[in-house]
Amino acid sequence: MIPFRDENPTRRFAYLALGLVVINTAIFLFQIQKPDDASLMGQFAFICEYGLVPQHLLEDPGMVPPDSCVGINQEHSRFLGLFSSQFLHGGWLHLIGNMLFLWVFGNNIEDHLGRIRFIPFDLTVGLAAGLAQAVIEPSSQTPVIGASGAISGILGAYLVLFPRKRVWTVVLPFFFLPFKLPAWMWLVIYLVLQFVFLGAAATAESDTGDGGVAYLAHIGGFIAGVALIKVFSIGREPPGPKLPTGTPAPAQEW
């Protein structure tokens, strides 16, 4: 399912969500300008350097060749990849899909949290997503990249804050038949699919590094978003349209 719009207007323009889209796109354009080969100046080396390599994060890899993925990743602090990996993508479809999800759901989360809290929230749930993937595969030398873990955290936050809003979506290949679902239903389906895909990948003994998907990062990020959105919302107004000064509160319905 691909969302393209929600029925949830914001009170102000989501400059930070748009900024994340621009930054991710700019980094990807920089990445694809590098040679598409295995050289130390190539795209894969760039991903190795700034991706999240679980073995470097959680274990002592020992003596490894400096030109190996782990060796390249060791050029920086083991913790850098938890953040820098959130801005790397494996291809145009990976980037476009993530940025679409970020814009559809992230603008309302930014509107609710405010511009001071939104970026820390995004990075925190992205960090939790990366840790979830790394803890399951602590010896993996395959770099984990992408904003989808953090965006899954935004989806989890949306489920808590706006469960009754409607989300317009399409299902490929029937892109010409858009329909809308309650946000809670759309997001529950999304989460269930992550578990289904994770089970299928485990059954097939697939590897997240060879064109695979880090489904545990999606699940971990989503759970982190559900768990942390109320913490980050302390002191903020409840979600919903802001009434002009002097406007009487709506009557309660029995």
Protein backbone atom coordinates (compact mmCIF):
# COMPACT_ATOMS: atom_id res chain seq x y z
CA MET A 1 0.00 0.00 0.00
CA ILE A 2 1.26 3.44 -0.94
CA PRO A 3 -0.14 6.50 0.88
CA PHE A 4 -0.23 9.78 -1.01
CA ARG A 5 -2.35 12.08 1.19
CA ASP A 6 -4.09 12.21 4.53
CA GLU A 7 -7.14 14.19 5.63
CA ASN A 8 -5.32 15.88 8.49
CA PRO A 9 -4.53 19.56 7.89
CA THR A 10 -1.63 21.17 9.73
CA ARG A 11 -1.64 24.51 11.52
CA ARG A 12 1.68 25.52 9.96
CA PHE A 13 3.90 24.41 7.12
CA ALA A 14 6.21 21.49 7.92
CA TYR A 15 9.55 23.09 7.08
CA LEU A 16 11.60 20.49 8.96
CA ALA A 17 9.92 17.53 7.28
CA LEU A 18 10.55 19.21 3.94
CA GLY A 19 14.13 19.91 5.03
CA LEU A 20 14.67 16.22 5.77
CA VAL A 21 13.38 15.38 2.30
CA VAL A 22 15.82 17.87 0.75
CA ILE A 23 18.78 16.66 2.85
CA ASN A 24 18.14 13.00 2.12
CA THR A 25 17.79 13.73 -1.59
CA ALA A 26 20.97 15.83 -1.66
CA ILE A 27 22.98 13.12 0.09
CA PHE A 28 21.67 10.51 -2.32
CA LEU A 29 22.58 12.65 -5.32
CA PHE A 30 26.08 13.05 -3.86
CA GLN A 31 26.28 9.29 -3.31
CA ILE A 32 25.33 8.33 -6.86
CA GLN A 33 27.94 10.67 -8.30
CA LYS A 34 30.57 8.30 -6.95
CA PRO A 35 31.81 5.39 -9.10
CA ASP A 36 29.46 2.41 -9.08
CA ASP A 37 32.20 -0.08 -8.23
CA ALA A 38 33.99 -1.64 -5.26
CA SER A 39 36.77 0.96 -5.09
CA LEU A 40 37.52 2.89 -1.91
CA MET A 41 36.03 5.96 -3.61
CA GLY A 42 32.92 4.15 -4.83
CA GLN A 43 29.31 4.12 -3.71
CA PHE A 44 29.59 0.90 -1.73
CA ALA A 45 32.58 2.24 0.21
CA PHE A 46 30.55 5.38 1.01
CA ILE A 47 27.74 3.18 2.36
CA CYS A 48 30.23 1.09 4.34
CA GLU A 49 31.75 4.22 5.85
CA TYR A 50 28.53 5.87 6.99
CA GLY A 51 26.11 2.94 7.25
CA LEU A 52 25.32 1.08 10.45
CA VAL A 53 27.53 -2.03 10.60
CA PRO A 54 26.25 -4.16 13.53
CA GLN A 55 29.57 -5.92 14.16
CA HIS A 56 31.40 -2.63 14.54
CA LEU A 57 28.65 -1.24 16.78
CA LEU A 58 28.23 -4.17 19.17
CA GLU A 59 31.31 -6.37 18.91
CA ASP A 60 35.06 -6.10 18.53
CA PRO A 61 35.69 -7.16 14.93
CA GLY A 62 39.37 -7.69 15.68
CA MET A 63 41.89 -7.39 12.87
CA VAL A 64 40.07 -6.85 9.59
CA PRO A 65 41.39 -5.67 6.22
CA PRO A 66 41.25 -1.86 6.07
CA ASP A 67 39.52 -2.02 2.70
CA SER A 68 36.75 -4.34 3.98
CA CYS A 69 33.33 -2.91 4.84
CA VAL A 70 33.97 -3.25 8.57
CA GLY A 71 37.46 -1.76 8.21
CA ILE A 72 36.07 1.26 6.37
CA ASN A 73 33.32 1.67 8.96
CA GLN A 74 35.94 1.64 11.73
CA GLU A 75 37.34 4.91 10.43
CA HIS A 76 34.67 6.63 12.53
CA SER A 77 33.13 6.16 15.96
CA ARG A 78 31.01 3.03 16.23
CA PHE A 79 28.06 5.21 17.21
CA LEU A 80 28.15 7.50 14.16
CA GLY A 81 26.41 4.94 11.97
CA LEU A 82 23.33 4.98 14.21
CA PHE A 83 22.66 8.50 12.93
CA SER A 84 24.43 8.81 9.56
CA SER A 85 22.83 5.59 8.26
CA GLN A 86 19.42 7.27 8.49
CA PHE A 87 20.36 9.56 5.58
CA LEU A 88 21.61 6.91 3.13
CA HIS A 89 19.55 5.02 0.57
CA GLY A 90 20.13 2.11 -1.74
CA GLY A 91 18.34 3.42 -4.84
CA TRP A 92 15.76 5.82 -6.21
CA LEU A 93 12.76 3.68 -5.22
CA HIS A 94 14.12 3.35 -1.69
CA LEU A 95 14.55 7.12 -1.43
CA ILE A 96 11.25 8.14 -3.06
CA GLY A 97 9.21 5.67 -1.03
CA ASN A 98 10.73 6.83 2.24
CA MET A 99 10.36 10.52 1.44
CA LEU A 100 6.71 10.04 0.44
CA PHE A 101 5.93 8.34 3.75
CA LEU A 102 7.88 11.03 5.61
CA TRP A 103 5.90 13.84 4.04
CA VAL A 104 2.44 12.25 4.32
CA PHE A 105 2.78 11.40 8.00
CA GLY A 106 5.68 13.53 9.23
CA ASN A 107 4.11 16.93 8.62
CA ASN A 108 1.46 16.30 11.27
CA ILE A 109 3.99 14.96 13.77
CA GLU A 110 6.12 18.07 13.27
CA ASP A 111 3.03 20.24 13.64
CA HIS A 112 2.20 18.54 16.94
CA LEU A 113 5.70 18.35 18.44
CA GLY A 114 6.92 21.72 17.23
CA ARG A 115 10.16 22.50 15.46
CA ILE A 116 12.40 22.10 18.49
CA ARG A 117 11.30 18.54 19.29
CA PHE A 118 10.62 17.05 15.88
CA ILE A 119 14.20 16.38 14.74
CA PRO A 120 15.30 14.90 18.11
CA PHE A 121 12.25 12.63 18.00
CA ASP A 122 13.01 11.54 14.43
CA LEU A 123 16.65 10.78 15.23
CA THR A 124 15.77 8.98 18.47
CA VAL A 125 13.27 6.58 16.92
CA GLY A 126 15.71 6.05 14.04
CA LEU A 127 18.41 5.16 16.56
CA ALA A 128 16.03 2.69 18.24
CA ALA A 129 15.27 1.15 14.84
CA GLY A 130 18.95 0.67 14.07
CA LEU A 131 19.60 -0.88 17.47
CA ALA A 132 16.70 -3.31 17.00
CA GLN A 133 18.22 -4.56 13.76
CA ALA A 134 21.77 -4.68 15.12
CA VAL A 135 20.91 -6.55 18.32
CA ILE A 136 19.34 -9.39 16.35
CA GLU A 137 22.37 -9.68 14.04
CA PRO A 138 25.29 -8.43 16.18
CA SER A 139 27.92 -10.21 14.06
CA SER A 140 26.64 -8.91 10.73
CA GLN A 141 29.15 -7.04 8.57
CA THR A 142 26.42 -5.84 6.24
CA PRO A 143 25.68 -2.09 6.48
CA VAL A 144 22.10 -1.15 7.34
CA ILE A 145 20.94 2.07 5.68
CA GLY A 146 17.79 4.08 5.12
CA ALA A 147 15.37 6.47 6.78
CA SER A 148 12.61 3.87 6.98
CA GLY A 149 13.32 2.96 10.61
CA ALA A 150 12.88 6.57 11.70
CA ILE A 151 9.86 6.97 9.44
CA SER A 152 8.32 3.85 11.00
CA GLY A 153 8.71 5.66 14.32
CA ILE A 154 6.77 8.57 12.85
CA LEU A 155 4.07 6.11 11.75
CA GLY A 156 3.87 4.73 15.29
CA ALA A 157 3.49 8.27 16.63
CA TYR A 158 0.74 8.97 14.08
CA LEU A 159 -1.14 5.88 15.27
CA VAL A 160 -1.14 7.23 18.83
CA LEU A 161 -2.03 10.82 17.97
CA PHE A 162 -4.32 10.59 14.93
CA PRO A 163 -5.87 7.10 14.76
CA ARG A 164 -9.18 8.29 13.28
CA LYS A 165 -7.84 10.45 10.46
CA ARG A 166 -8.27 9.14 6.92
CA VAL A 167 -5.36 8.18 4.68
CA TRP A 168 -5.69 8.11 0.90
CA THR A 169 -3.78 5.20 -0.58
CA VAL A 170 -3.33 3.03 -3.63
CA VAL A 171 -2.32 -0.58 -4.07
CA LEU A 172 -0.06 -1.40 -7.00
CA PRO A 173 -0.75 -2.11 -9.80
CA PHE A 174 -4.20 -0.55 -9.24
CA PHE A 175 -2.81 2.96 -8.81
CA PHE A 176 -5.79 4.39 -10.71
CA LEU A 177 -8.21 3.26 -7.95
CA PRO A 178 -7.38 5.34 -4.87
CA PHE A 179 -9.29 4.72 -1.67
CA LYS A 180 -9.09 5.89 1.92
CA LEU A 181 -8.74 4.03 5.19
CA PRO A 182 -8.80 5.10 8.82
CA ALA A 183 -5.21 5.78 9.89
CA TRP A 184 -5.36 3.12 12.61
CA MET A 185 -6.31 0.46 10.06
CA TRP A 186 -3.67 1.56 7.55
CA LEU A 187 -0.95 1.59 10.20
CA VAL A 188 -1.94 -1.74 11.75
CA ILE A 189 -1.84 -3.32 8.29
CA TYR A 190 1.61 -1.78 7.76
CA LEU A 191 2.91 -3.22 11.04
CA VAL A 192 1.42 -6.67 10.43
CA LEU A 193 3.02 -6.75 6.98
CA GLN A 194 6.43 -6.09 8.53
CA PHE A 195 6.06 -9.22 10.67
CA VAL A 196 4.80 -11.22 7.69
CA PHE A 197 7.73 -10.12 5.53
CA LEU A 198 10.15 -10.75 8.39
CA GLY A 199 8.86 -14.30 8.76
CA ALA A 200 9.06 -14.91 5.02
CA ALA A 201 12.62 -13.58 4.94
CA ALA A 202 13.63 -15.78 7.87
CA THR A 203 12.09 -18.84 6.24
CA ALA A 204 13.97 -18.12 3.04
CA GLU A 205 17.14 -17.40 5.04
CA SER A 206 17.42 -14.09 3.23
CA ASP A 207 20.12 -11.58 4.12
CA THR A 208 19.32 -7.92 4.71
CA GLY A 209 22.52 -6.91 3.03
CA ASP A 210 22.00 -8.30 -0.46
CA GLY A 211 19.13 -6.15 -1.58
CA GLY A 212 17.21 -7.24 1.52
CA VAL A 213 15.03 -5.16 3.82
CA ALA A 214 15.72 -4.61 7.52
CA TYR A 215 12.19 -5.41 8.70
CA LEU A 216 13.26 -5.51 12.33
CA ALA A 217 14.35 -1.89 12.02
CA HIS A 218 10.84 -1.04 10.80
CA ILE A 219 9.26 -2.89 13.71
CA GLY A 220 11.67 -1.45 16.27
CA GLY A 221 11.18 2.09 14.99
CA PHE A 222 7.38 1.74 15.01
CA ILE A 223 7.34 0.48 18.61
CA ALA A 224 9.71 3.27 19.65
CA GLY A 225 7.40 5.85 18.05
CA VAL A 226 4.39 4.48 19.92
CA ALA A 227 6.33 4.41 23.20
CA LEU A 228 8.06 7.80 22.95
CA ILE A 229 5.59 10.16 21.32
CA LYS A 230 3.82 10.92 24.60
CA VAL A 231 7.17 11.55 26.29
CA PHE A 232 8.20 14.01 23.58
CA SER A 233 4.71 15.58 23.73
CA ILE A 234 4.92 16.58 27.41
CA GLY A 235 3.86 20.21 27.63
CA ARG A 236 2.49 20.34 24.09
CA GLU A 237 -1.13 21.04 23.19
CA PRO A 238 -3.31 18.04 22.34
CA PRO A 239 -3.39 17.31 18.59
CA GLY A 240 -6.13 19.00 16.65
CA PRO A 241 -6.99 22.34 15.05
CA LYS A 242 -6.06 25.37 17.12
CA LEU A 243 -9.12 27.46 17.94
CA PRO A 244 -8.86 31.25 17.54
CA THR A 245 -8.77 33.28 20.75
CA GLY A 246 -12.26 33.75 22.14
CA THR A 247 -13.75 30.82 20.27
CA PRO A 248 -16.02 28.78 22.60
CA ALA A 249 -15.11 25.15 23.10
CA PRO A 250 -17.29 22.67 21.18
CA ALA A 251 -20.12 21.08 23.17
CA GLN A 252 -19.71 17.55 24.40
CA GLU A 253 -21.90 14.90 22.87
CA TRP A 254 -23.58 12.28 24.98
